[in-house]
Amino acid sequence: MERTEDVIDLLVVGGGTGGIVGAKTAARLGARTVLVERSRTGGDCLWTGCVPSKTLLSAAARSATERTLGGSGTLFSDVRARIAEAIAAIEPDDSPESLEAAGASVISGTARFTAPGEADIDGRRVRFRQALIATGSAPSVPPLPGLETARVVTSDTIWDLEQLPGRLVIIGGGPIGCELGQAFARLGSAVVLVARSEILPREDRDAASVIRDSLKADGVNVIENAAVDHVSAKEDGTAVVHTDDGQSFDADVILAATGRKARTEGLGLDALDVECDKSGHVLVDAGMRTSNPAVWAAGDVTPYPDFTHLAGVYSSVAASNAVLGLRRTVNKTIPRVTYTSPEVAAVGLTDATAPGHKTSTVHHGDTDRAVTEQQTSGMTRIVIDKRGRIMGGTIVGPRAGESLAELTLAVQQGLSTRDLAGVTHPYPTYNDALWNAAVAHARSGLDSPLATAAVRVLLRLNRWRNDRRRDAQFNSR
């Protein structure tokens, strides 16, 4: 019989952002914490997601600028080197040593739950009081006829390319497809992007239109409302992608950017009576607790959106609830950013046609900073309820993700347009557009009959007061 002190307070399965933040949170609260990772800590964000993709986008933007100035652009080998440097610079923060320094133990291996409170790690039996599942997700590849004959990459494996693809066909018009499509086009690839619907289907349609124009300006052939029907191989080892509307495109490499699936296979969740949805995501309540009261989950493995920032915040909530018995709930004001050029940043309600709501829009052609930067194709739009509260919005422009922080705070705190209009903003910035959108709506309240009448009464009253004061001063001479 194992001693009580050998029982782990929190067993964390998965060493990505969710697992790292959850483990560090629990350890700093004094819990005996063990993190198990079968590959390398850092997860998709460090190795195949945020860090390499944003480095690629930065390098591609610089390459596009060089080409505009008459240069030859950036060599793909230099781009790969820059990505490696970025990963190397950030890796120590996500390393086992960093976790150990925070007080958590790290085990390299594959964990499988075998019974309530028990798990097997490569043949080693461990006992735990609470567990946090943070195994993330993996790209899914569509079962298209002939796809197996082509060179197919995903957002995980595209970083293994040693040569810039001459012809890249992307299946999927979501954020990953748009970001990587623009980046590779700027680096010199001939890119075709095939989207089943319109690109960026979750975003405001005017915002998506700006990105469509930007992609096309960078040379991306955007094919919307078309599905890939099948793929055929050519004798030279390349492939042809055929769509259901009769079009065909030659491809040296095909990028499948059609979604992700939760990594739950082989975890032994049945042994813990942990419920999953039909797609394999672990179901959780508002406190990130699963159907088993001793098991928690956070990050891409849950049905929540696949965002690194969400994995970190939600896993912290899960870990503190698990080890302290708290009942904290997650905040569901979720910001998102697509890092194309320009960026698309959105939070909360973004539907400009939502019943009972109004919108206030400022196009960046009317924003002085955008004019000075000659980048006026963007916009800022906020969605407002009947009480004047800001319910959400969309920002399209350079560094839109930075401007989104203020809008996210406004949505989370239930601020009104008058609240935001009353905040002094530095001039000139891109955030002027957000401020002016709030000001425009706040001022529109003065146009109602009641407000107009009240203003007229106050104006007349103040005129009378001023006249009396002036007359009194005149008569006192």
Protein backbone atom coordinates (compact mmCIF):
# COMPACT_ATOMS: atom_id res chain seq x y z
CA MET A 1 0.00 0.00 0.00
CA GLU A 2 1.43 3.38 -1.02
CA ARG A 3 1.84 6.02 1.61
CA THR A 4 -0.59 8.96 1.64
CA GLU A 5 2.22 11.40 0.91
CA ASP A 6 2.95 9.53 -2.33
CA VAL A 7 -0.41 10.52 -3.73
CA ILE A 8 -0.19 13.40 -6.21
CA ASP A 9 -2.44 16.38 -5.50
CA LEU A 10 -2.77 17.27 -9.18
CA LEU A 11 -1.75 15.12 -12.12
CA VAL A 12 -1.52 17.23 -15.28
CA VAL A 13 -1.58 15.37 -18.57
CA GLY A 14 -0.17 17.45 -21.42
CA GLY A 15 2.71 19.93 -21.54
CA GLY A 16 1.33 22.62 -23.80
CA THR A 17 0.18 26.04 -22.67
CA GLY A 18 -2.78 24.69 -20.72
CA GLY A 19 -0.73 22.05 -18.93
CA ILE A 20 2.16 24.38 -18.16
CA VAL A 21 -0.02 27.16 -16.73
CA GLY A 22 -2.16 24.67 -14.81
CA ALA A 23 0.86 22.91 -13.32
CA LYS A 24 2.60 26.15 -12.34
CA THR A 25 -0.60 27.50 -10.80
CA ALA A 26 -1.12 24.38 -8.69
CA ALA A 27 2.53 24.18 -7.63
CA ARG A 28 2.61 27.80 -6.54
CA LEU A 29 -0.44 27.16 -4.41
CA GLY A 30 1.53 24.49 -2.57
CA ALA A 31 0.02 21.41 -4.23
CA ARG A 32 2.13 18.40 -5.08
CA THR A 33 1.96 18.60 -8.85
CA VAL A 34 3.20 16.28 -11.57
CA LEU A 35 3.03 17.07 -15.28
CA VAL A 36 3.26 14.28 -17.84
CA GLU A 37 4.26 15.05 -21.43
CA ARG A 38 4.91 12.36 -24.04
CA SER A 39 6.84 14.56 -26.47
CA ARG A 40 8.21 17.99 -25.58
CA THR A 41 6.88 20.72 -23.34
CA GLY A 42 5.71 23.91 -25.01
CA GLY A 43 2.98 22.30 -27.06
CA ASP A 44 1.63 23.39 -30.41
CA CYS A 45 1.94 27.09 -29.60
CA LEU A 46 5.71 26.99 -29.26
CA TRP A 47 6.62 24.37 -31.84
CA THR A 48 4.01 24.47 -34.61
CA GLY A 49 1.53 27.24 -33.81
CA CYS A 50 1.74 30.79 -32.53
CA VAL A 51 5.51 31.23 -32.39
CA PRO A 52 6.52 29.84 -35.81
CA SER A 53 3.45 31.18 -37.63
CA LYS A 54 3.78 34.73 -36.33
CA THR A 55 7.50 34.68 -37.06
CA LEU A 56 6.72 33.49 -40.58
CA LEU A 57 4.17 36.27 -41.04
CA SER A 58 6.68 38.87 -39.85
CA ALA A 59 9.37 37.56 -42.19
CA ALA A 60 6.94 37.42 -45.09
CA ALA A 61 5.83 41.02 -44.50
CA ARG A 62 9.46 42.13 -44.57
CA SER A 63 10.04 40.12 -47.75
CA ALA A 64 7.03 41.76 -49.41
CA THR A 65 8.40 45.19 -48.51
CA GLU A 66 11.80 44.30 -49.99
CA ARG A 67 10.16 43.16 -53.23
CA THR A 68 8.18 46.40 -53.41
CA LEU A 69 11.46 48.32 -53.16
CA GLY A 70 12.94 46.29 -56.01
CA GLY A 71 14.77 43.66 -53.98
CA SER A 72 14.64 39.89 -54.33
CA GLY A 73 12.85 39.21 -51.07
CA THR A 74 13.83 36.95 -48.20
CA LEU A 75 15.36 33.51 -48.78
CA PHE A 76 13.27 30.67 -47.39
CA SER A 77 16.35 29.31 -45.61
CA ASP A 78 16.65 32.63 -43.78
CA VAL A 79 12.97 32.45 -42.82
CA ARG A 80 13.48 28.96 -41.40
CA ALA A 81 16.48 30.18 -39.44
CA ARG A 82 14.51 33.07 -38.03
CA ILE A 83 11.73 30.72 -36.92
CA ALA A 84 14.27 28.48 -35.20
CA GLU A 85 15.75 31.47 -33.40
CA ALA A 86 12.35 32.60 -32.15
CA ILE A 87 11.53 29.14 -30.82
CA ALA A 88 14.93 28.88 -29.13
CA ALA A 89 14.45 32.26 -27.45
CA ILE A 90 11.03 31.35 -26.02
CA GLU A 91 11.60 27.67 -25.28
CA PRO A 92 13.24 28.16 -21.83
CA ASP A 93 9.98 29.64 -20.48
CA ASP A 94 8.17 26.40 -21.36
CA SER A 95 10.93 23.97 -20.46
CA PRO A 96 10.86 21.21 -17.83
CA GLU A 97 13.45 23.24 -15.93
CA SER A 98 11.03 26.17 -15.77
CA LEU A 99 8.30 23.88 -14.44
CA GLU A 100 10.64 22.35 -11.89
CA ALA A 101 11.67 25.84 -10.75
CA ALA A 102 8.00 26.63 -10.17
CA GLY A 103 7.67 23.55 -7.98
CA ALA A 104 6.11 21.03 -10.36
CA SER A 105 7.64 17.68 -11.25
CA VAL A 106 7.85 16.64 -14.90
CA ILE A 107 7.66 13.10 -16.22
CA SER A 108 8.41 12.28 -19.85
CA GLY A 109 6.02 9.56 -20.96
CA THR A 110 2.54 8.60 -22.04
CA ALA A 111 -0.21 8.69 -19.44
CA ARG A 112 -3.33 6.51 -19.47
CA PHE A 113 -6.01 6.54 -16.80
CA THR A 114 -6.72 3.06 -15.46
CA ALA A 115 -9.13 3.62 -12.57
CA PRO A 116 -10.51 6.48 -10.46
CA GLY A 117 -7.50 8.20 -8.92
CA GLU A 118 -4.99 6.05 -10.80
CA ALA A 119 -2.97 6.34 -13.99
CA ASP A 120 -0.29 4.38 -15.79
CA ILE A 121 2.75 6.24 -17.13
CA ASP A 122 4.72 3.88 -19.35
CA GLY A 123 4.18 1.02 -16.90
CA ARG A 124 4.56 3.12 -13.77
CA ARG A 125 1.47 3.30 -11.55
CA VAL A 126 0.70 6.70 -10.01
CA ARG A 127 -2.10 7.80 -7.73
CA PHE A 128 -3.67 11.23 -7.74
CA ARG A 129 -6.35 13.19 -5.93
CA GLN A 130 -7.23 15.44 -8.86
CA ALA A 131 -6.30 15.42 -12.54
CA LEU A 132 -6.16 18.09 -15.25
CA ILE A 133 -6.47 16.97 -18.87
CA ALA A 134 -4.64 19.37 -21.18
CA THR A 135 -3.71 17.20 -24.15
CA GLY A 136 -4.73 19.76 -26.77
CA SER A 137 -5.74 19.03 -30.33
CA ALA A 138 -4.25 17.95 -33.65
CA PRO A 139 -4.96 19.02 -37.23
CA SER A 140 -7.54 16.94 -39.06
CA VAL A 141 -7.02 15.91 -42.68
CA PRO A 142 -10.17 15.52 -44.81
CA PRO A 143 -10.79 12.05 -46.30
CA LEU A 144 -10.61 13.18 -49.91
CA PRO A 145 -10.11 10.64 -52.72
CA GLY A 146 -6.54 10.69 -53.96
CA LEU A 147 -5.22 12.99 -51.26
CA GLU A 148 -2.89 10.26 -50.07
CA THR A 149 -1.05 10.45 -53.41
CA ALA A 150 -0.04 14.07 -52.88
CA ARG A 151 2.43 15.81 -50.62
CA VAL A 152 0.12 16.99 -47.86
CA VAL A 153 1.08 19.13 -44.89
CA THR A 154 -0.88 20.53 -41.97
CA SER A 155 -0.30 23.46 -39.64
CA ASP A 156 1.83 21.03 -37.62
CA THR A 157 4.03 19.72 -40.44
CA ILE A 158 4.35 22.66 -42.82
CA TRP A 159 7.38 23.73 -40.78
CA ASP A 160 9.23 20.65 -42.01
CA LEU A 161 9.36 22.06 -45.55
CA GLU A 162 12.97 22.80 -46.44
CA GLN A 163 12.17 24.44 -49.77
CA LEU A 164 9.60 27.11 -50.58
CA PRO A 165 6.73 25.42 -52.47
CA GLY A 166 6.42 26.70 -56.01
CA ARG A 167 2.68 25.98 -56.05
CA LEU A 168 0.78 25.71 -52.80
CA VAL A 169 -2.91 24.78 -52.68
CA ILE A 170 -4.65 25.40 -49.36
CA ILE A 171 -7.84 23.59 -48.45
CA GLY A 172 -9.71 25.75 -45.93
CA GLY A 173 -10.51 29.44 -45.65
CA GLY A 174 -10.29 29.92 -41.89
CA PRO A 175 -7.64 31.88 -39.99
CA ILE A 176 -4.87 29.29 -40.53
CA GLY A 177 -5.50 29.07 -44.26
CA CYS A 178 -5.64 32.84 -44.69
CA GLU A 179 -2.57 33.54 -42.56
CA LEU A 180 -0.33 30.92 -44.13
CA GLY A 181 -1.68 31.59 -47.60
CA GLN A 182 -0.76 35.26 -47.42
CA ALA A 183 2.63 34.51 -45.88
CA PHE A 184 3.69 32.00 -48.53
CA ALA A 185 2.40 34.22 -51.32
CA ARG A 186 4.52 37.07 -49.99
CA LEU A 187 7.53 34.78 -49.91
CA GLY A 188 7.02 33.88 -53.57
CA SER A 189 4.79 30.80 -53.74
CA ALA A 190 1.89 30.66 -56.20
CA VAL A 191 -0.96 30.15 -53.74
CA VAL A 192 -4.50 28.94 -54.35
CA LEU A 193 -6.89 29.00 -51.38
CA VAL A 194 -10.05 26.90 -51.69
CA ALA A 195 -12.82 27.66 -49.16
CA ARG A 196 -16.02 25.67 -48.85
CA SER A 197 -17.92 28.83 -47.91
CA GLU A 198 -16.59 32.37 -47.79
CA ILE A 199 -13.26 33.02 -46.11
CA LEU A 200 -13.26 33.73 -42.37
CA PRO A 201 -16.91 32.66 -41.98
CA ARG A 202 -17.03 33.61 -38.28
CA GLU A 203 -16.06 37.21 -38.89
CA ASP A 204 -17.96 40.34 -39.87
CA ARG A 205 -18.58 40.19 -43.64
CA ASP A 206 -17.13 43.65 -44.23
CA ALA A 207 -14.02 42.58 -42.33
CA ALA A 208 -13.70 39.42 -44.40
CA SER A 209 -14.03 41.51 -47.56
CA VAL A 210 -11.03 43.61 -46.56
CA ILE A 211 -8.97 40.46 -46.02
CA ARG A 212 -10.13 38.96 -49.31
CA ASP A 213 -8.92 42.06 -51.15
CA SER A 214 -5.62 41.99 -49.26
CA LEU A 215 -5.02 38.31 -50.08
CA LYS A 216 -5.71 38.92 -53.74
CA ALA A 217 -3.42 41.95 -53.74
CA ASP A 218 -0.64 39.69 -52.48
CA GLY A 219 -1.28 37.22 -55.30
CA VAL A 220 -3.44 34.61 -53.55
CA ASN A 221 -6.02 33.04 -55.86
CA VAL A 222 -9.05 32.94 -53.53
CA ILE A 223 -11.68 30.37 -54.54
CA GLU A 224 -14.79 30.59 -52.37
CA ASN A 225 -17.98 28.53 -52.13
CA ALA A 226 -16.22 25.55 -53.68
CA ALA A 227 -15.28 22.22 -52.14
CA VAL A 228 -12.36 20.01 -53.09
CA ASP A 229 -13.81 16.91 -54.74
CA HIS A 230 -10.69 14.81 -55.26
CA VAL A 231 -6.96 14.93 -55.89
CA SER A 232 -5.11 13.22 -58.71
CA ALA A 233 -1.41 12.45 -58.99
CA LYS A 234 0.86 13.46 -61.84
CA GLU A 235 3.84 11.51 -63.18
CA ASP A 236 6.32 14.10 -61.93
CA GLY A 237 5.22 13.57 -58.32
CA THR A 238 3.05 16.67 -58.09
CA ALA A 239 -0.74 16.69 -57.84
CA VAL A 240 -3.87 18.28 -59.24
CA VAL A 241 -6.62 19.48 -56.91
CA HIS A 242 -10.12 19.24 -58.40
CA THR A 243 -13.10 21.17 -57.03
CA ASP A 244 -16.75 20.27 -57.22
CA ASP A 245 -17.44 23.14 -59.61
CA GLY A 246 -15.07 21.81 -62.25
CA GLN A 247 -11.93 23.80 -61.51
CA SER A 248 -8.48 22.23 -61.16
CA PHE A 249 -5.20 23.52 -59.73
CA ASP A 250 -1.68 22.13 -59.90
CA ALA A 251 0.04 21.70 -56.55
CA ASP A 252 3.54 20.88 -55.41
CA VAL A 253 2.30 20.91 -51.82
CA ILE A 254 -1.23 20.80 -50.38
CA LEU A 255 -1.96 22.39 -47.01
CA ALA A 256 -4.96 20.87 -45.22
CA ALA A 257 -6.33 23.63 -42.99
CA THR A 258 -9.77 22.17 -42.33
CA GLY A 259 -9.97 22.11 -38.55
CA ARG A 260 -8.61 20.23 -35.58
CA LYS A 261 -9.62 17.29 -33.41
CA ALA A 262 -9.19 16.81 -29.67
CA ARG A 263 -6.39 14.51 -28.49
CA THR A 264 -8.33 12.12 -26.27
CA GLU A 265 -7.67 8.78 -27.92
CA GLY A 266 -5.84 6.35 -25.66
CA LEU A 267 -6.25 8.45 -22.50
CA GLY A 268 -8.52 5.90 -20.84
CA LEU A 269 -11.24 8.43 -20.07
CA ASP A 270 -13.81 5.62 -19.85
CA ALA A 271 -12.05 4.39 -16.72
CA LEU A 272 -12.87 7.73 -15.09
CA ASP A 273 -16.38 8.11 -16.51
CA VAL A 274 -15.35 11.33 -18.19
CA GLU A 275 -17.88 12.32 -20.82
CA CYS A 276 -16.94 13.62 -24.27
CA ASP A 277 -19.01 15.07 -27.09
CA LYS A 278 -19.41 13.41 -30.49
CA SER A 279 -16.22 14.99 -31.78
CA GLY A 280 -14.16 13.75 -28.84
CA HIS A 281 -13.89 16.98 -26.86
CA VAL A 282 -13.98 16.62 -23.08
CA LEU A 283 -17.14 18.19 -21.71
CA VAL A 284 -16.66 20.65 -18.84
CA ASP A 285 -18.80 22.97 -16.75
CA ALA A 286 -18.22 26.68 -16.16
CA GLY A 287 -15.47 25.85 -13.66
CA MET A 288 -13.71 23.49 -16.12
CA ARG A 289 -14.77 20.39 -14.17
CA THR A 290 -15.66 17.26 -16.12
CA SER A 291 -18.41 14.74 -15.38
CA ASN A 292 -15.96 13.21 -12.90
CA PRO A 293 -15.66 15.63 -9.92
CA ALA A 294 -11.96 14.77 -9.52
CA VAL A 295 -11.05 15.47 -13.14
CA TRP A 296 -10.71 18.82 -14.89
CA ALA A 297 -9.87 19.83 -18.44
CA ALA A 298 -8.72 22.97 -20.26
CA GLY A 299 -7.46 24.08 -23.64
CA ASP A 300 -8.10 22.66 -27.09
CA VAL A 301 -9.20 19.31 -25.66
CA THR A 302 -12.45 20.99 -24.52
CA PRO A 303 -15.19 22.38 -26.78
CA TYR A 304 -13.99 25.95 -26.22
CA PRO A 305 -12.19 27.73 -29.10
CA ASP A 306 -8.64 26.62 -29.84
CA PHE A 307 -6.80 29.69 -28.55
CA THR A 308 -3.56 29.66 -26.59
CA HIS A 309 -4.67 32.54 -24.39
CA LEU A 310 -7.86 30.68 -23.55
CA ALA A 311 -5.95 27.52 -22.64
CA GLY A 312 -3.76 29.46 -20.23
CA VAL A 313 -6.51 31.41 -18.48
CA TYR A 314 -8.93 28.49 -18.25
CA SER A 315 -6.33 26.03 -17.01
CA SER A 316 -5.41 28.43 -14.21
CA VAL A 317 -9.06 28.48 -13.15
CA ALA A 318 -9.23 24.69 -13.35
CA ALA A 319 -6.05 24.17 -11.33
CA SER A 320 -7.00 26.56 -8.53
CA ASN A 321 -10.46 24.99 -8.31
CA ALA A 322 -8.96 21.51 -8.23
CA VAL A 323 -6.38 22.02 -5.49
CA LEU A 324 -8.21 24.56 -3.31
CA GLY A 325 -11.79 23.40 -3.74
CA LEU A 326 -12.87 26.76 -5.12
CA ARG A 327 -15.80 27.38 -7.42
CA ARG A 328 -14.32 29.92 -9.78
CA THR A 329 -15.89 30.10 -13.21
CA VAL A 330 -14.27 31.10 -16.47
CA ASN A 331 -14.93 34.39 -18.14
CA LYS A 332 -16.57 33.82 -21.52
CA THR A 333 -15.61 37.12 -23.10
CA ILE A 334 -13.24 35.59 -25.62
CA PRO A 335 -11.11 37.78 -27.90
CA ARG A 336 -9.74 36.39 -31.15
CA VAL A 337 -7.30 37.65 -33.76
CA THR A 338 -6.49 36.52 -37.29
CA TYR A 339 -2.95 37.71 -37.99
CA THR A 340 -3.28 38.48 -41.66
CA SER A 341 -2.21 41.84 -43.04
CA PRO A 342 -4.25 43.72 -41.97
CA GLU A 343 -5.24 41.87 -38.82
CA VAL A 344 -8.83 41.02 -37.96
CA ALA A 345 -9.61 41.23 -34.25
CA ALA A 346 -13.02 40.51 -32.76
CA VAL A 347 -14.73 39.93 -29.43
CA GLY A 348 -18.26 39.31 -28.20
CA LEU A 349 -21.20 39.96 -30.48
CA THR A 350 -20.00 40.87 -33.97
CA ASP A 351 -23.16 40.37 -36.03
CA ALA A 352 -24.03 43.78 -37.43
CA THR A 353 -27.58 42.58 -38.13
CA ALA A 354 -28.34 41.23 -34.64
CA PRO A 355 -31.96 42.07 -33.70
CA GLY A 356 -32.37 44.83 -31.13
CA HIS A 357 -28.80 46.08 -31.55
CA LYS A 358 -27.13 48.99 -33.30
CA THR A 359 -23.67 49.36 -34.75
CA SER A 360 -21.27 52.26 -34.89
CA THR A 361 -18.59 52.04 -37.57
CA VAL A 362 -15.54 54.18 -38.28
CA HIS A 363 -13.67 53.45 -41.49
CA HIS A 364 -9.96 53.96 -41.18
CA GLY A 365 -9.96 56.41 -44.06
CA ASP A 366 -11.38 58.74 -41.39
CA THR A 367 -8.71 57.80 -38.83
CA ASP A 368 -5.76 60.19 -38.90
CA ARG A 369 -3.12 57.64 -37.88
CA ALA A 370 -4.23 55.28 -40.65
CA VAL A 371 -4.05 58.18 -43.12
CA THR A 372 -0.49 59.04 -42.05
CA GLU A 373 0.52 55.38 -42.40
CA GLN A 374 -1.27 55.06 -45.77
CA GLN A 375 -3.13 52.01 -44.45
CA THR A 376 -6.75 53.07 -44.62
CA SER A 377 -8.48 49.90 -45.82
CA GLY A 378 -9.54 48.83 -42.31
CA MET A 379 -12.42 49.70 -40.05
CA THR A 380 -13.62 49.58 -36.46
CA ARG A 381 -17.19 48.49 -35.74
CA ILE A 382 -18.85 48.09 -32.36
CA VAL A 383 -22.18 46.42 -31.61
CA ILE A 384 -24.35 48.15 -29.00
CA ASP A 385 -27.49 47.06 -27.17
CA LYS A 386 -30.58 49.17 -26.42
CA ARG A 387 -29.06 50.42 -23.16
CA GLY A 388 -25.95 51.70 -24.89
CA ARG A 389 -23.72 48.88 -23.63
CA ILE A 390 -20.93 47.65 -25.89
CA MET A 391 -21.64 43.99 -26.62
CA GLY A 392 -18.77 43.30 -29.00
CA GLY A 393 -17.12 44.42 -32.17
CA THR A 394 -14.57 43.97 -34.92
CA ILE A 395 -11.37 45.85 -35.70
CA VAL A 396 -9.54 45.48 -39.02
CA GLY A 397 -6.15 47.12 -39.35
CA PRO A 398 -2.47 46.99 -38.40
CA ARG A 399 -2.00 45.69 -34.85
CA ALA A 400 -5.76 45.31 -34.49
CA GLY A 401 -5.10 42.72 -31.80
CA GLU A 402 -3.54 45.41 -29.63
CA SER A 403 -6.56 47.71 -30.00
CA LEU A 404 -8.85 44.81 -29.20
CA ALA A 405 -7.71 44.73 -25.57
CA GLU A 406 -9.65 47.91 -24.73
CA LEU A 407 -12.73 46.66 -26.55
CA THR A 408 -12.50 43.33 -24.72
CA LEU A 409 -12.37 45.14 -21.36
CA ALA A 410 -15.39 47.22 -22.34
CA VAL A 411 -17.39 44.10 -23.22
CA GLN A 412 -16.30 42.19 -20.12
CA GLN A 413 -17.12 45.06 -17.76
CA GLY A 414 -20.41 45.93 -19.45
CA LEU A 415 -19.29 49.45 -20.31
CA SER A 416 -21.42 51.79 -22.38
CA THR A 417 -20.37 53.91 -25.32
CA ARG A 418 -20.53 56.93 -23.00
CA ASP A 419 -18.06 55.23 -20.65
CA LEU A 420 -15.62 54.63 -23.47
CA ALA A 421 -16.21 58.07 -24.99
CA GLY A 422 -15.27 59.61 -21.65
CA VAL A 423 -11.79 58.04 -21.67
CA THR A 424 -9.00 60.29 -22.94
CA HIS A 425 -7.09 58.62 -25.76
CA PRO A 426 -3.68 59.65 -27.07
CA TYR A 427 -3.63 61.14 -30.55
CA PRO A 428 -2.98 59.99 -33.20
CA THR A 429 -3.42 56.24 -32.78
CA TYR A 430 -5.40 53.51 -34.47
CA ASN A 431 -7.45 53.37 -31.28
CA ASP A 432 -8.92 56.73 -32.25
CA ALA A 433 -11.29 54.72 -34.45
CA LEU A 434 -12.64 52.77 -31.48
CA TRP A 435 -13.01 55.96 -29.44
CA ASN A 436 -14.72 57.80 -32.29
CA ALA A 437 -17.12 54.89 -32.83
CA ALA A 438 -18.11 55.18 -29.17
CA VAL A 439 -18.35 58.96 -29.36
CA ALA A 440 -20.56 58.80 -32.45
CA HIS A 441 -23.03 56.48 -30.75
CA ALA A 442 -23.00 58.44 -27.49
CA ARG A 443 -23.71 61.67 -29.38
CA SER A 444 -26.52 60.01 -31.32
CA GLY A 445 -28.44 59.84 -28.04
CA LEU A 446 -28.75 63.61 -28.20
CA ASP A 447 -30.87 63.29 -31.34
CA SER A 448 -33.88 61.76 -29.58
CA PRO A 449 -36.89 64.09 -29.05
CA LEU A 450 -36.61 63.91 -25.27
CA ALA A 451 -32.88 64.61 -25.26
CA THR A 452 -33.27 67.41 -27.78
CA ALA A 453 -35.96 69.04 -25.66
CA ALA A 454 -33.85 68.70 -22.51
CA VAL A 455 -30.84 70.25 -24.21
CA ARG A 456 -32.92 73.18 -25.42
CA VAL A 457 -34.25 73.81 -21.90
CA LEU A 458 -30.74 73.71 -20.44
CA LEU A 459 -29.44 75.98 -23.18
CA ARG A 460 -32.17 78.58 -22.53
CA LEU A 461 -31.69 78.34 -18.76
CA ASN A 462 -27.97 78.88 -19.05
CA ARG A 463 -28.49 81.82 -21.41
CA TRP A 464 -30.80 83.43 -18.82
CA ARG A 465 -28.22 82.87 -16.06
CA ASN A 466 -25.44 84.35 -18.17
CA ASP A 467 -27.57 87.35 -19.11
CA ARG A 468 -28.42 88.00 -15.44
CA ARG A 469 -24.75 87.72 -14.47
CA ARG A 470 -23.73 90.09 -17.26
CA ASP A 471 -26.44 92.62 -16.34
CA ALA A 472 -25.48 92.49 -12.68
CA GLN A 473 -21.84 93.16 -13.55
CA PHE A 474 -22.87 96.05 -15.82
CA ASN A 475 -25.13 97.66 -13.20
CA SER A 476 -22.49 97.42 -10.47
CA ARG A 477 -20.17 99.77 -12.34
